[in-house]
């Protein structure tokens, strides 16, 4: 058995993860890229509004997909390209969640997928102040010219996984996970006609009944809150959280203004098995930065005091990672426990 898998990356139209408007796929056989595919698509009906924030990130507008088939109409082709492969994604909780939620609101069943998360693998195998795709791709020696182009991001994800396997002398996904003492997680098959909807889909469907709501995911966005952030309590981690989640077992601190309150962010973190604290210490492993921070700000110097403290600790050898609020919300929004 060789290093065989398919890397996947989705871009979404709005804050609901079940609103895919683009997907990129890269197929790897024997540790080499052998095929690629990508699609533009209209998101599922009633969830196809394009938020300004999303368009600003990936550049895809409603006009760009107006004549494209909907996700539910192209998923058979996407699924055929994937076949029985293990899926690889950079923040797999998000991309696997896109598949599930988009199929659920389309009224379609979904197959089971074994999957690997290159964010988690990057965290274990590299020593980076940010494990965002551009930083991990640079460490792996993989070109990434246009971040948030689905095809390029899938190709970069594939390159990262190939590099990590090489560094661990692993000739397959199974060998790699065995060498790291991990089990490959699995998203189970589901059928929305008989199985309960996932949390994000339930929230999106419920949002359609709110006054003035369009059911497009915009109801999931929260207004910016001015003023000095309230820290709130640090809740205990959920003992039943899935160990396959990228924040499970991490110690998380928040800095800067978030679009959600810090108490709410802490509850969301605890739900997926993270411990939260109110200041950066020697225990901190993840710092989430608000104020519109993106990973490139680590190089430009536009940082909060806590973020500068993190850089100092990182230079001294402490394993610590910086996340943007967007990356954090992708990780925790309605996260489903992984099965192994």
C-alpha atoms as a PDB file:
ATOM      1  CA  UNK A   1       0.000   0.000   0.000  1.00  0.00           C
ATOM      2  CA  UNK A   2       1.415   3.406  -0.980  1.00  0.00           C
ATOM      3  CA  UNK A   3       0.785   6.955   0.160  1.00  0.00           C
ATOM      4  CA  UNK A   4      -2.623   7.277  -1.512  1.00  0.00           C
ATOM      5  CA  UNK A   5      -5.264   9.897  -0.679  1.00  0.00           C
ATOM      6  CA  UNK A   6      -7.312  12.785  -2.055  1.00  0.00           C
ATOM      7  CA  UNK A   7      -6.846  16.304  -0.683  1.00  0.00           C
ATOM      8  CA  UNK A   8      -9.918  18.545  -0.635  1.00  0.00           C
ATOM      9  CA  UNK A   9     -10.620  22.232  -0.029  1.00  0.00           C
ATOM     10  CA  UNK A  10     -13.952  24.079  -0.035  1.00  0.00           C
ATOM     11  CA  UNK A  11     -14.792  27.767  -0.223  1.00  0.00           C
ATOM     12  CA  UNK A  12     -18.192  28.842   1.106  1.00  0.00           C
ATOM     13  CA  UNK A  13     -20.570  31.640   0.207  1.00  0.00           C
ATOM     14  CA  UNK A  14     -21.492  32.677   3.746  1.00  0.00           C
ATOM     15  CA  UNK A  15     -21.153  31.870   7.427  1.00  0.00           C
ATOM     16  CA  UNK A  16     -22.961  28.537   7.123  1.00  0.00           C
ATOM     17  CA  UNK A  17     -20.534  25.780   6.263  1.00  0.00           C
ATOM     18  CA  UNK A  18     -23.175  24.086   4.111  1.00  0.00           C
ATOM     19  CA  UNK A  19     -22.893  26.844   1.476  1.00  0.00           C
ATOM     20  CA  UNK A  20     -20.054  25.606  -0.771  1.00  0.00           C
ATOM     21  CA  UNK A  21     -19.391  27.654  -3.896  1.00  0.00           C
ATOM     22  CA  UNK A  22     -16.088  26.051  -4.945  1.00  0.00           C
ATOM     23  CA  UNK A  23     -14.149  22.861  -4.315  1.00  0.00           C
ATOM     24  CA  UNK A  24     -10.649  21.758  -5.257  1.00  0.00           C
ATOM     25  CA  UNK A  25      -9.448  18.137  -5.264  1.00  0.00           C
ATOM     26  CA  UNK A  26      -5.938  16.697  -5.629  1.00  0.00           C
ATOM     27  CA  UNK A  27      -5.415  12.941  -5.991  1.00  0.00           C
ATOM     28  CA  UNK A  28      -2.163  11.387  -4.755  1.00  0.00           C
ATOM     29  CA  UNK A  29      -0.856   7.942  -5.595  1.00  0.00           C
ATOM     30  CA  UNK A  30       2.397   6.619  -4.196  1.00  0.00           C
ATOM     31  CA  UNK A  31       3.245  10.019  -2.750  1.00  0.00           C
ATOM     32  CA  UNK A  32       2.866  11.817  -6.100  1.00  0.00           C
ATOM     33  CA  UNK A  33       0.114  14.067  -7.433  1.00  0.00           C
ATOM     34  CA  UNK A  34      -1.540  12.257 -10.334  1.00  0.00           C
ATOM     35  CA  UNK A  35      -4.804  14.129 -10.947  1.00  0.00           C
ATOM     36  CA  UNK A  36      -6.671  17.296 -10.018  1.00  0.00           C
ATOM     37  CA  UNK A  37     -10.221  18.574 -10.375  1.00  0.00           C
ATOM     38  CA  UNK A  38     -12.175  21.648  -9.316  1.00  0.00           C
ATOM     39  CA  UNK A  39     -15.739  22.907  -9.568  1.00  0.00           C
ATOM     40  CA  UNK A  40     -17.558  26.184  -9.111  1.00  0.00           C
ATOM     41  CA  UNK A  41     -21.141  25.643  -7.931  1.00  0.00           C
ATOM     42  CA  UNK A  42     -24.195  27.329  -6.546  1.00  0.00           C
ATOM     43  CA  UNK A  43     -24.708  26.548  -2.863  1.00  0.00           C
ATOM     44  CA  UNK A  44     -27.826  24.614  -1.850  1.00  0.00           C
ATOM     45  CA  UNK A  45     -31.143  26.405  -2.297  1.00  0.00           C
ATOM     46  CA  UNK A  46     -32.047  28.819   0.538  1.00  0.00           C
ATOM     47  CA  UNK A  47     -28.392  28.913   1.624  1.00  0.00           C
ATOM     48  CA  UNK A  48     -26.934  30.643  -1.427  1.00  0.00           C
ATOM     49  CA  UNK A  49     -26.472  34.226  -0.244  1.00  0.00           C
ATOM     50  CA  UNK A  50     -22.918  35.535  -0.685  1.00  0.00           C
ATOM     51  CA  UNK A  51     -21.628  37.466   2.334  1.00  0.00           C
ATOM     52  CA  UNK A  52     -19.232  40.333   1.734  1.00  0.00           C
ATOM     53  CA  UNK A  53     -16.673  38.848   4.122  1.00  0.00           C
ATOM     54  CA  UNK A  54     -16.541  35.549   2.235  1.00  0.00           C
ATOM     55  CA  UNK A  55     -16.361  37.207  -1.187  1.00  0.00           C
ATOM     56  CA  UNK A  56     -13.516  39.409   0.029  1.00  0.00           C
ATOM     57  CA  UNK A  57     -11.577  36.288   1.051  1.00  0.00           C
ATOM     58  CA  UNK A  58     -12.002  34.066  -2.014  1.00  0.00           C
ATOM     59  CA  UNK A  59     -13.191  36.492  -4.689  1.00  0.00           C
ATOM     60  CA  UNK A  60     -16.135  34.357  -5.819  1.00  0.00           C
ATOM     61  CA  UNK A  61     -19.433  36.225  -6.193  1.00  0.00           C
ATOM     62  CA  UNK A  62     -23.015  35.157  -6.853  1.00  0.00           C
ATOM     63  CA  UNK A  63     -22.601  36.246 -10.475  1.00  0.00           C
ATOM     64  CA  UNK A  64     -19.652  33.879 -10.909  1.00  0.00           C
ATOM     65  CA  UNK A  65     -21.804  30.842 -10.130  1.00  0.00           C
ATOM     66  CA  UNK A  66     -25.187  32.025 -11.420  1.00  0.00           C
ATOM     67  CA  UNK A  67     -25.161  29.547 -14.310  1.00  0.00           C
ATOM     68  CA  UNK A  68     -23.503  26.688 -12.417  1.00  0.00           C
ATOM     69  CA  UNK A  69     -25.301  23.621 -11.061  1.00  0.00           C
ATOM     70  CA  UNK A  70     -25.992  23.421  -7.363  1.00  0.00           C
ATOM     71  CA  UNK A  71     -23.806  21.446  -4.995  1.00  0.00           C
ATOM     72  CA  UNK A  72     -26.322  18.618  -4.823  1.00  0.00           C
ATOM     73  CA  UNK A  73     -26.181  18.245  -8.591  1.00  0.00           C
ATOM     74  CA  UNK A  74     -22.372  17.977  -8.781  1.00  0.00           C
ATOM     75  CA  UNK A  75     -21.671  15.943  -5.664  1.00  0.00           C
ATOM     76  CA  UNK A  76     -21.931  12.676  -7.584  1.00  0.00           C
ATOM     77  CA  UNK A  77     -18.956  13.825  -9.705  1.00  0.00           C
ATOM     78  CA  UNK A  78     -17.064  15.002  -6.638  1.00  0.00           C
ATOM     79  CA  UNK A  79     -17.744  11.702  -4.886  1.00  0.00           C
ATOM     80  CA  UNK A  80     -16.682   9.728  -7.943  1.00  0.00           C
ATOM     81  CA  UNK A  81     -13.343  11.582  -8.032  1.00  0.00           C
ATOM     82  CA  UNK A  82     -12.764  10.841  -4.330  1.00  0.00           C
ATOM     83  CA  UNK A  83     -13.821   7.213  -4.610  1.00  0.00           C
ATOM     84  CA  UNK A  84     -12.763   5.209  -1.556  1.00  0.00           C
ATOM     85  CA  UNK A  85      -9.780   7.427  -0.774  1.00  0.00           C
ATOM     86  CA  UNK A  86      -8.861   8.817   2.596  1.00  0.00           C
ATOM     87  CA  UNK A  87      -9.632  12.539   2.490  1.00  0.00           C
ATOM     88  CA  UNK A  88      -7.000  15.069   3.552  1.00  0.00           C
ATOM     89  CA  UNK A  89      -7.907  18.650   4.419  1.00  0.00           C
ATOM     90  CA  UNK A  90      -6.260  21.556   6.181  1.00  0.00           C
ATOM     91  CA  UNK A  91      -8.742  21.905   9.073  1.00  0.00           C
ATOM     92  CA  UNK A  92     -10.658  18.765   8.196  1.00  0.00           C
ATOM     93  CA  UNK A  93     -13.414  19.476  10.727  1.00  0.00           C
ATOM     94  CA  UNK A  94     -14.500  22.304   8.422  1.00  0.00           C
ATOM     95  CA  UNK A  95     -14.208  20.613   5.029  1.00  0.00           C
ATOM     96  CA  UNK A  96     -15.812  17.341   6.158  1.00  0.00           C
ATOM     97  CA  UNK A  97     -18.483  19.478   7.792  1.00  0.00           C
ATOM     98  CA  UNK A  98     -19.116  21.237   4.476  1.00  0.00           C
ATOM     99  CA  UNK A  99     -19.833  17.895   2.837  1.00  0.00           C
ATOM    100  CA  UNK A 100     -22.182  16.842   5.614  1.00  0.00           C
ATOM    101  CA  UNK A 101     -24.115  20.096   5.994  1.00  0.00           C
ATOM    102  CA  UNK A 102     -24.401  20.788   2.258  1.00  0.00           C
ATOM    103  CA  UNK A 103     -25.743  17.291   1.645  1.00  0.00           C
ATOM    104  CA  UNK A 104     -28.095  17.515   4.615  1.00  0.00           C
ATOM    105  CA  UNK A 105     -29.747  20.760   3.477  1.00  0.00           C
ATOM    106  CA  UNK A 106     -29.870  19.313  -0.060  1.00  0.00           C
ATOM    107  CA  UNK A 107     -31.768  16.309   1.317  1.00  0.00           C
ATOM    108  CA  UNK A 108     -29.071  13.889   0.163  1.00  0.00           C
ATOM    109  CA  UNK A 109     -27.299  11.049   2.005  1.00  0.00           C
ATOM    110  CA  UNK A 110     -23.532  11.070   2.422  1.00  0.00           C
ATOM    111  CA  UNK A 111     -20.948   8.273   2.435  1.00  0.00           C
ATOM    112  CA  UNK A 112     -18.500   7.535   5.231  1.00  0.00           C
ATOM    113  CA  UNK A 113     -15.002   8.980   4.879  1.00  0.00           C
ATOM    114  CA  UNK A 114     -11.770   8.271   6.686  1.00  0.00           C
ATOM    115  CA  UNK A 115      -9.894  11.555   6.837  1.00  0.00           C
ATOM    116  CA  UNK A 116      -6.743  13.261   8.031  1.00  0.00           C
ATOM    117  CA  UNK A 117      -6.272  16.851   9.145  1.00  0.00           C
ATOM    118  CA  UNK A 118      -3.034  18.514   8.038  1.00  0.00           C
ATOM    119  CA  UNK A 119      -3.504  21.251  10.657  1.00  0.00           C
ATOM    120  CA  UNK A 120      -3.187  18.622  13.380  1.00  0.00           C
ATOM    121  CA  UNK A 121      -0.316  16.895  11.594  1.00  0.00           C
ATOM    122  CA  UNK A 122       1.462  20.209  11.068  1.00  0.00           C
ATOM    123  CA  UNK A 123       1.088  20.960  14.758  1.00  0.00           C
ATOM    124  CA  UNK A 124       2.669  17.614  15.660  1.00  0.00           C
ATOM    125  CA  UNK A 125       5.416  17.509  13.048  1.00  0.00           C
ATOM    126  CA  UNK A 126       6.432  21.133  12.458  1.00  0.00           C
ATOM    127  CA  UNK A 127       7.309  23.892  14.922  1.00  0.00           C
ATOM    128  CA  UNK A 128       5.432  26.903  13.556  1.00  0.00           C
ATOM    129  CA  UNK A 129       3.983  29.947  15.233  1.00  0.00           C
ATOM    130  CA  UNK A 130       0.987  29.532  12.913  1.00  0.00           C
ATOM    131  CA  UNK A 131      -0.179  26.307  11.282  1.00  0.00           C
ATOM    132  CA  UNK A 132      -2.336  28.167   8.784  1.00  0.00           C
ATOM    133  CA  UNK A 133      -2.051  26.841   5.253  1.00  0.00           C
ATOM    134  CA  UNK A 134       0.486  29.441   3.980  1.00  0.00           C
ATOM    135  CA  UNK A 135       2.874  28.825   6.900  1.00  0.00           C
ATOM    136  CA  UNK A 136       2.583  25.021   6.708  1.00  0.00           C
ATOM    137  CA  UNK A 137       2.968  25.063   2.908  1.00  0.00           C
ATOM    138  CA  UNK A 138       6.101  27.189   3.208  1.00  0.00           C
ATOM    139  CA  UNK A 139       7.569  24.751   5.740  1.00  0.00           C
ATOM    140  CA  UNK A 140       6.784  21.861   3.396  1.00  0.00           C
ATOM    141  CA  UNK A 141       8.384  23.648   0.454  1.00  0.00           C
ATOM    142  CA  UNK A 142       5.072  23.754  -1.417  1.00  0.00           C
ATOM    143  CA  UNK A 143       4.221  26.745  -3.656  1.00  0.00           C
ATOM    144  CA  UNK A 144       1.014  28.552  -2.651  1.00  0.00           C
ATOM    145  CA  UNK A 145       0.529  31.557  -4.901  1.00  0.00           C
ATOM    146  CA  UNK A 146      -3.169  32.226  -4.404  1.00  0.00           C
ATOM    147  CA  UNK A 147      -4.425  31.237  -0.971  1.00  0.00           C
ATOM    148  CA  UNK A 148      -8.226  30.634  -0.883  1.00  0.00           C
ATOM    149  CA  UNK A 149      -8.273  29.372  -4.448  1.00  0.00           C
ATOM    150  CA  UNK A 150      -9.785  25.940  -3.793  1.00  0.00           C
ATOM    151  CA  UNK A 151      -7.642  24.111  -6.346  1.00  0.00           C
ATOM    152  CA  UNK A 152      -4.394  25.685  -5.101  1.00  0.00           C
ATOM    153  CA  UNK A 153      -5.275  25.095  -1.458  1.00  0.00           C
ATOM    154  CA  UNK A 154      -6.048  21.416  -2.103  1.00  0.00           C
ATOM    155  CA  UNK A 155      -2.719  21.046  -3.936  1.00  0.00           C
ATOM    156  CA  UNK A 156      -0.875  22.709  -1.041  1.00  0.00           C
ATOM    157  CA  UNK A 157      -2.635  20.438   1.473  1.00  0.00           C
ATOM    158  CA  UNK A 158      -1.521  17.416  -0.543  1.00  0.00           C
ATOM    159  CA  UNK A 159       2.052  18.675  -0.583  1.00  0.00           C
ATOM    160  CA  UNK A 160       2.062  19.184   3.184  1.00  0.00           C
ATOM    161  CA  UNK A 161       0.842  15.642   3.817  1.00  0.00           C
ATOM    162  CA  UNK A 162       3.424  14.214   1.387  1.00  0.00           C
ATOM    163  CA  UNK A 163       6.174  16.148   3.194  1.00  0.00           C
ATOM    164  CA  UNK A 164       5.032  15.087   6.661  1.00  0.00           C
ATOM    165  CA  UNK A 165       4.891  11.431   5.582  1.00  0.00           C
ATOM    166  CA  UNK A 166       8.408  11.729   4.138  1.00  0.00           C
ATOM    167  CA  UNK A 167       9.754  13.241   7.362  1.00  0.00           C
ATOM    168  CA  UNK A 168       8.252  10.344   9.314  1.00  0.00           C
ATOM    169  CA  UNK A 169       9.487   7.685   6.854  1.00  0.00           C
ATOM    170  CA  UNK A 170       5.886   6.619   6.304  1.00  0.00           C
ATOM    171  CA  UNK A 171       4.832   4.961   3.058  1.00  0.00           C
ATOM    172  CA  UNK A 172       1.092   5.158   3.705  1.00  0.00           C
ATOM    173  CA  UNK A 173      -1.487   7.046   5.772  1.00  0.00           C
ATOM    174  CA  UNK A 174      -1.776   4.015   8.046  1.00  0.00           C
ATOM    175  CA  UNK A 175       2.000   3.956   8.640  1.00  0.00           C
ATOM    176  CA  UNK A 176       2.072   7.691   9.312  1.00  0.00           C
ATOM    177  CA  UNK A 177      -0.692   7.572  11.900  1.00  0.00           C
ATOM    178  CA  UNK A 178       0.801   4.470  13.519  1.00  0.00           C
ATOM    179  CA  UNK A 179       4.161   6.236  13.833  1.00  0.00           C
ATOM    180  CA  UNK A 180       2.465   9.188  15.533  1.00  0.00           C
ATOM    181  CA  UNK A 181       0.400   6.995  17.866  1.00  0.00           C
ATOM    182  CA  UNK A 182      -2.858   8.180  16.312  1.00  0.00           C
ATOM    183  CA  UNK A 183      -5.936   6.516  14.830  1.00  0.00           C
ATOM    184  CA  UNK A 184      -7.324   7.755  11.522  1.00  0.00           C
ATOM    185  CA  UNK A 185     -10.649   9.504  12.269  1.00  0.00           C
ATOM    186  CA  UNK A 186     -13.816   8.721  10.353  1.00  0.00           C
ATOM    187  CA  UNK A 187     -16.939  10.657   9.410  1.00  0.00           C
ATOM    188  CA  UNK A 188     -19.764   8.155   9.406  1.00  0.00           C
ATOM    189  CA  UNK A 189     -22.288   7.758   6.608  1.00  0.00           C
ATOM    190  CA  UNK A 190     -25.573   9.591   7.149  1.00  0.00           C
ATOM    191  CA  UNK A 191     -28.987  10.044   5.605  1.00  0.00           C
ATOM    192  CA  UNK A 192     -30.916  13.225   6.513  1.00  0.00           C
ATOM    193  CA  UNK A 193     -34.161  11.352   5.882  1.00  0.00           C
ATOM    194  CA  UNK A 194     -33.535   9.153   8.939  1.00  0.00           C
ATOM    195  CA  UNK A 195     -30.558  10.569  10.873  1.00  0.00           C
ATOM    196  CA  UNK A 196     -30.532  13.720  13.042  1.00  0.00           C
ATOM    197  CA  UNK A 197     -29.122  16.796  11.331  1.00  0.00           C
ATOM    198  CA  UNK A 198     -25.711  18.052  12.414  1.00  0.00           C
ATOM    199  CA  UNK A 199     -25.610  21.104  14.681  1.00  0.00           C
ATOM    200  CA  UNK A 200     -24.662  23.607  11.942  1.00  0.00           C
ATOM    201  CA  UNK A 201     -27.469  22.379   9.696  1.00  0.00           C
ATOM    202  CA  UNK A 202     -29.981  22.550  12.537  1.00  0.00           C
ATOM    203  CA  UNK A 203     -28.895  26.128  13.269  1.00  0.00           C
ATOM    204  CA  UNK A 204     -29.141  27.119   9.593  1.00  0.00           C
ATOM    205  CA  UNK A 205     -32.563  25.550   9.163  1.00  0.00           C
ATOM    206  CA  UNK A 206     -33.762  27.182  12.382  1.00  0.00           C
ATOM    207  CA  UNK A 207     -32.405  30.510  11.127  1.00  0.00           C
ATOM    208  CA  UNK A 208     -34.738  30.305   8.129  1.00  0.00           C
ATOM    209  CA  UNK A 209     -37.704  30.747  10.477  1.00  0.00           C
ATOM    210  CA  UNK A 210     -36.365  33.890  12.168  1.00  0.00           C
ATOM    211  CA  UNK A 211     -38.027  37.230  11.272  1.00  0.00           C
ATOM    212  CA  UNK A 212     -36.276  38.694   8.252  1.00  0.00           C
ATOM    213  CA  UNK A 213     -34.006  35.672   7.843  1.00  0.00           C
ATOM    214  CA  UNK A 214     -33.277  34.345   4.376  1.00  0.00           C
ATOM    215  CA  UNK A 215     -31.961  30.964   5.499  1.00  0.00           C
ATOM    216  CA  UNK A 216     -28.637  31.736   3.872  1.00  0.00           C
ATOM    217  CA  UNK A 217     -26.330  31.562   6.825  1.00  0.00           C
ATOM    218  CA  UNK A 218     -26.222  35.309   7.392  1.00  0.00           C
ATOM    219  CA  UNK A 219     -28.136  34.823  10.643  1.00  0.00           C
ATOM    220  CA  UNK A 220     -25.076  33.010  11.988  1.00  0.00           C
ATOM    221  CA  UNK A 221     -22.956  36.164  11.754  1.00  0.00           C
ATOM    222  CA  UNK A 222     -22.691  38.270  14.909  1.00  0.00           C
ATOM    223  CA  UNK A 223     -22.210  42.024  15.158  1.00  0.00           C
ATOM    224  CA  UNK A 224     -18.911  43.453  16.342  1.00  0.00           C
ATOM    225  CA  UNK A 225     -18.978  44.328  20.046  1.00  0.00           C
ATOM    226  CA  UNK A 226     -17.221  47.507  21.047  1.00  0.00           C
ATOM    227  CA  UNK A 227     -15.637  48.112  24.445  1.00  0.00           C
ATOM    228  CA  UNK A 228     -13.132  46.285  26.624  1.00  0.00           C
ATOM    229  CA  UNK A 229     -13.661  42.531  26.211  1.00  0.00           C
ATOM    230  CA  UNK A 230     -15.144  40.659  29.157  1.00  0.00           C
ATOM    231  CA  UNK A 231     -13.107  37.533  29.916  1.00  0.00           C
ATOM    232  CA  UNK A 232     -15.789  35.540  31.717  1.00  0.00           C
ATOM    233  CA  UNK A 233     -15.134  32.248  33.470  1.00  0.00           C
ATOM    234  CA  UNK A 234     -12.929  29.465  32.152  1.00  0.00           C
ATOM    235  CA  UNK A 235     -15.220  26.429  31.869  1.00  0.00           C
ATOM    236  CA  UNK A 236     -14.004  22.869  32.289  1.00  0.00           C
ATOM    237  CA  UNK A 237     -13.298  20.966  29.045  1.00  0.00           C
ATOM    238  CA  UNK A 238     -16.047  18.659  27.843  1.00  0.00           C
ATOM    239  CA  UNK A 239     -15.000  15.136  28.985  1.00  0.00           C
ATOM    240  CA  UNK A 240     -16.945  13.600  26.076  1.00  0.00           C
ATOM    241  CA  UNK A 241     -15.295  15.711  23.363  1.00  0.00           C
ATOM    242  CA  UNK A 242     -13.790  13.876  20.417  1.00  0.00           C
ATOM    243  CA  UNK A 243      -9.985  13.567  20.596  1.00  0.00           C
ATOM    244  CA  UNK A 244      -9.831  13.991  16.817  1.00  0.00           C
ATOM    245  CA  UNK A 245     -10.722  17.685  17.041  1.00  0.00           C
ATOM    246  CA  UNK A 246      -7.789  20.070  16.384  1.00  0.00           C
ATOM    247  CA  UNK A 247      -8.422  21.971  19.643  1.00  0.00           C
ATOM    248  CA  UNK A 248      -8.886  18.917  21.860  1.00  0.00           C
ATOM    249  CA  UNK A 249      -6.429  19.024  24.764  1.00  0.00           C
ATOM    250  CA  UNK A 250      -5.153  22.495  23.859  1.00  0.00           C
ATOM    251  CA  UNK A 251      -4.912  25.446  26.253  1.00  0.00           C
ATOM    252  CA  UNK A 252      -6.477  28.445  24.533  1.00  0.00           C
ATOM    253  CA  UNK A 253      -6.173  32.181  25.269  1.00  0.00           C
ATOM    254  CA  UNK A 254      -8.023  34.976  23.460  1.00  0.00           C
ATOM    255  CA  UNK A 255      -6.780  38.473  22.638  1.00  0.00           C
ATOM    256  CA  UNK A 256      -8.212  41.452  20.761  1.00  0.00           C
ATOM    257  CA  UNK A 257     -11.817  42.154  19.824  1.00  0.00           C
ATOM    258  CA  UNK A 258     -13.755  39.139  18.577  1.00  0.00           C
ATOM    259  CA  UNK A 259     -17.057  39.227  16.716  1.00  0.00           C
ATOM    260  CA  UNK A 260     -18.351  37.021  19.534  1.00  0.00           C
ATOM    261  CA  UNK A 261     -17.908  37.562  23.256  1.00  0.00           C
ATOM    262  CA  UNK A 262     -14.936  35.900  24.911  1.00  0.00           C
ATOM    263  CA  UNK A 263     -17.211  34.030  27.376  1.00  0.00           C
ATOM    264  CA  UNK A 264     -19.034  32.487  24.407  1.00  0.00           C
ATOM    265  CA  UNK A 265     -15.741  31.689  22.665  1.00  0.00           C
ATOM    266  CA  UNK A 266     -14.533  29.973  25.830  1.00  0.00           C
ATOM    267  CA  UNK A 267     -17.663  27.837  26.039  1.00  0.00           C
ATOM    268  CA  UNK A 268     -17.242  26.832  22.396  1.00  0.00           C
ATOM    269  CA  UNK A 269     -13.614  25.894  23.085  1.00  0.00           C
ATOM    270  CA  UNK A 270     -14.487  23.832  26.151  1.00  0.00           C
ATOM    271  CA  UNK A 271     -17.184  21.989  24.184  1.00  0.00           C
ATOM    272  CA  UNK A 272     -14.532  20.562  21.819  1.00  0.00           C
ATOM    273  CA  UNK A 273     -12.219  19.590  24.691  1.00  0.00           C
ATOM    274  CA  UNK A 274      -9.974  22.649  25.048  1.00  0.00           C
ATOM    275  CA  UNK A 275      -9.001  24.339  28.303  1.00  0.00           C
ATOM    276  CA  UNK A 276      -9.218  28.136  28.313  1.00  0.00           C
ATOM    277  CA  UNK A 277      -7.224  30.670  30.318  1.00  0.00           C
ATOM    278  CA  UNK A 278      -7.250  34.455  30.489  1.00  0.00           C
ATOM    279  CA  UNK A 279      -3.563  35.227  30.024  1.00  0.00           C
ATOM    280  CA  UNK A 280      -0.592  33.800  28.180  1.00  0.00           C
ATOM    281  CA  UNK A 281       1.501  31.486  30.368  1.00  0.00           C
ATOM    282  CA  UNK A 282       3.854  28.566  29.972  1.00  0.00           C
ATOM    283  CA  UNK A 283       0.750  26.354  29.617  1.00  0.00           C
ATOM    284  CA  UNK A 284      -0.636  28.225  26.595  1.00  0.00           C
ATOM    285  CA  UNK A 285      -0.659  26.240  23.358  1.00  0.00           C
ATOM    286  CA  UNK A 286      -3.082  28.302  21.225  1.00  0.00           C
ATOM    287  CA  UNK A 287      -3.680  32.065  21.035  1.00  0.00           C
ATOM    288  CA  UNK A 288      -6.762  33.258  19.123  1.00  0.00           C
ATOM    289  CA  UNK A 289      -6.376  36.838  17.873  1.00  0.00           C
ATOM    290  CA  UNK A 290      -9.292  39.107  16.994  1.00  0.00           C
ATOM    291  CA  UNK A 291      -9.188  42.628  15.496  1.00  0.00           C
ATOM    292  CA  UNK A 292      -9.307  41.223  11.962  1.00  0.00           C
ATOM    293  CA  UNK A 293      -5.941  39.500  12.415  1.00  0.00           C
ATOM    294  CA  UNK A 294      -4.696  37.167   9.669  1.00  0.00           C
ATOM    295  CA  UNK A 295      -1.625  34.941   9.759  1.00  0.00           C
ATOM    296  CA  UNK A 296       0.402  37.322   7.573  1.00  0.00           C
ATOM    297  CA  UNK A 297       0.232  39.882  10.397  1.00  0.00           C
ATOM    298  CA  UNK A 298       2.786  37.752  12.238  1.00  0.00           C
ATOM    299  CA  UNK A 299       5.315  39.029   9.708  1.00  0.00           C
ATOM    300  CA  UNK A 300       4.030  42.599   9.442  1.00  0.00           C
ATOM    301  CA  UNK A 301       4.104  43.257  13.199  1.00  0.00           C
ATOM    302  CA  UNK A 302       0.413  44.258  13.565  1.00  0.00           C
ATOM    303  CA  UNK A 303       0.011  42.383  16.843  1.00  0.00           C
ATOM    304  CA  UNK A 304      -1.532  42.678  20.296  1.00  0.00           C
ATOM    305  CA  UNK A 305       0.594  42.530  23.423  1.00  0.00           C
ATOM    306  CA  UNK A 306      -0.452  38.905  24.007  1.00  0.00           C
ATOM    307  CA  UNK A 307       0.547  37.988  20.456  1.00  0.00           C
ATOM    308  CA  UNK A 308       3.973  39.571  20.919  1.00  0.00           C
ATOM    309  CA  UNK A 309       4.335  37.595  24.139  1.00  0.00           C
ATOM    310  CA  UNK A 310       3.508  34.427  22.184  1.00  0.00           C
ATOM    311  CA  UNK A 311       6.224  35.182  19.627  1.00  0.00           C
ATOM    312  CA  UNK A 312       8.718  35.644  22.464  1.00  0.00           C
ATOM    313  CA  UNK A 313       7.725  32.313  24.027  1.00  0.00           C
ATOM    314  CA  UNK A 314       7.868  30.594  20.654  1.00  0.00           C
ATOM    315  CA  UNK A 315      11.394  31.854  20.102  1.00  0.00           C
ATOM    316  CA  UNK A 316      12.316  30.350  23.489  1.00  0.00           C
ATOM    317  CA  UNK A 317      11.039  26.950  22.362  1.00  0.00           C
ATOM    318  CA  UNK A 318       7.501  26.847  23.761  1.00  0.00           C
ATOM    319  CA  UNK A 319       5.111  25.028  21.407  1.00  0.00           C
ATOM    320  CA  UNK A 320       2.404  27.599  20.786  1.00  0.00           C
ATOM    321  CA  UNK A 321       0.201  28.446  17.827  1.00  0.00           C
ATOM    322  CA  UNK A 322      -1.549  31.637  16.723  1.00  0.00           C
ATOM    323  CA  UNK A 323      -4.998  31.416  15.101  1.00  0.00           C
ATOM    324  CA  UNK A 324      -7.125  34.092  13.499  1.00  0.00           C
ATOM    325  CA  UNK A 325     -10.700  34.352  14.735  1.00  0.00           C
ATOM    326  CA  UNK A 326     -11.866  33.025  11.362  1.00  0.00           C
ATOM    327  CA  UNK A 327      -9.726  29.893  11.716  1.00  0.00           C
ATOM    328  CA  UNK A 328     -10.972  29.401  15.274  1.00  0.00           C
ATOM    329  CA  UNK A 329     -14.640  29.747  14.281  1.00  0.00           C
ATOM    330  CA  UNK A 330     -14.175  27.272  11.447  1.00  0.00           C
ATOM    331  CA  UNK A 331     -12.804  24.796  13.965  1.00  0.00           C
ATOM    332  CA  UNK A 332     -15.489  25.153  16.638  1.00  0.00           C
ATOM    333  CA  UNK A 333     -18.687  25.972  14.741  1.00  0.00           C
ATOM    334  CA  UNK A 334     -20.990  23.061  15.465  1.00  0.00           C
ATOM    335  CA  UNK A 335     -18.101  20.627  15.637  1.00  0.00           C
ATOM    336  CA  UNK A 336     -19.108  16.983  15.616  1.00  0.00           C
ATOM    337  CA  UNK A 337     -17.084  14.507  17.682  1.00  0.00           C
ATOM    338  CA  UNK A 338     -14.719  12.473  15.529  1.00  0.00           C
ATOM    339  CA  UNK A 339     -14.898   8.695  15.642  1.00  0.00           C
ATOM    340  CA  UNK A 340     -11.793   6.550  15.465  1.00  0.00           C
END
